[in-house]
Amino acid sequence: MKIQHYQELKGVSAVLFEQTKISGISVKNRIIRSATHDGLADENGAPSDKLISKYEYLAKNEIGCIITGYAAVSKNGVSPYPRMLKIYDDSVIEKYRELTSAVHKHDTPVVLQIAHCGRQTSSKAIGYQKVAPSNVLHAFYPDKAKVLDEAEIYCIIDDFVSAAAMAEKAGFDAVQLHAGHGYLLHDFLSPYGNRRKDKWGGSLENRCRIVEMIIKGIKEKTNLPVWIKLSAEDNRRGGMRIDSSVEICKRLEAAGCDAIEVSCGTVQDGMNTMRSELMPMDAVFKYREPCASFPGILSKVALSVANLVNPLIKQPKPLENFNVDNAGIIKKNVSIPVIAVGGIHKSADMQSIIEQGKADFVSMCRPFICEPDLAKKLKNGQLAAKCIMCNYCGLVIEKEPTKCLYGRV
């Protein structure tokens, strides 16, 4: 039994920890730390020393590649979460260069995720009128978004291209466009978020136009590979579905996209993108408004009621490996690398995903919040992440830096 167990571990290491390349970038293994909002930018949106140290710790503990938390490309595209990264001003380049240098010391590539939050933010919180492809009410951010006119769309394209150019100056190995989870580029791709009748909406070709132009613009202005994070499906009526996502991915590959990370869902879908057995009610009442502002007695009573009904609230299933099948479908239809993310926790699953051709790489967010040295532990024989998918970490970000809070809320 011991010999068999050793061979299983050796087999996992052989698959996961072989040196390879993704879009021409050398990586020491097939494990990627997926983009995670850390809430550790400085007042200008540049990475703080704490964030740089956090990334360097990941790098020296055998992570194959790091994708940063999302960095806003425009002032009106900022998240309402505190201390979001930003990259629309040259003044932040030097701190980003410190980050890439710290990570590169450990022979680890780092990719900057660039994003625009679109209607998935609060105008009051960010101090600018939020914008969107169409005037569609957001359940959690119900203030009205300005519908983008064509000139403003071209400005946003330029903002993404300029952000990529700054990323190249700062030493990043690639950029990743955040086109998932309900943010601006997702809304353009999705028939739910995009109800335009002009050349930016309607047909799949028109809905893809802004993302294709961003990819081509980055390719013209930089030498960086361009990755994309995509919600292959969501729970919006008339939203993203796998069949159309396959066609979108084909178009984006033709436009020059170099790698696709397959995710799912939007913020409005609830616990779909980050799934858990139960809603983390303690964290909801501590970190999410308006619950976090309830007075003491009301908060206690409301939390007690919420805990009683919590088991009756239907949660998305399955809890693990929930984007793997869609990643496999997309991989069969494109020739560029595919990354699977979402509920991937066990080394045997990671091995299976790669061996069965469902994806070329696996990425994780929550497990690395819980165990930033997880990649090294997996290499040394740990069979699974310790993360229990409680999702407390997904709520603390609304007020504080990201951290694992299981048992401490």
Foldseek 3Di string as FASTA:
>chain_A
DVVVLVVVLVLLCVQFQPWDDALRQIWRGQEEADEDFFLQAPPVQAHDPVRLVLLLLLLQLRGGEYEYHEEELDLLQDALFHSHHYQPDLVRLQSLLSSQVSNCVSVYAYAYEYFGQAQNHECVSSVHAGEACDFDADPQHRDTHHHDDPVVLVVVLVSLLNSLLSNVVSPHQAYEYELAQRGRLVLLQWVQNHVDDDQSDDDNNNSLVSVLSSLLSNVVNDVHAYEYEYACEEDDVRTHHLVSSLVSLVVSVVSRHAEYEYFHYHVSRPCRRQFAQWQLLVLCLCFPPPNNVDPDVVNVVVSVVCVVCGNVDDTDDDQAQVRLQSLQVSQVRDPHFYEYEGRHWFSVVQSCSCVVRSGVHYYYHVLCLAPSSVSSVSSVPDGTRPDNSNCSQVRNSRHDGGHDQVPPD
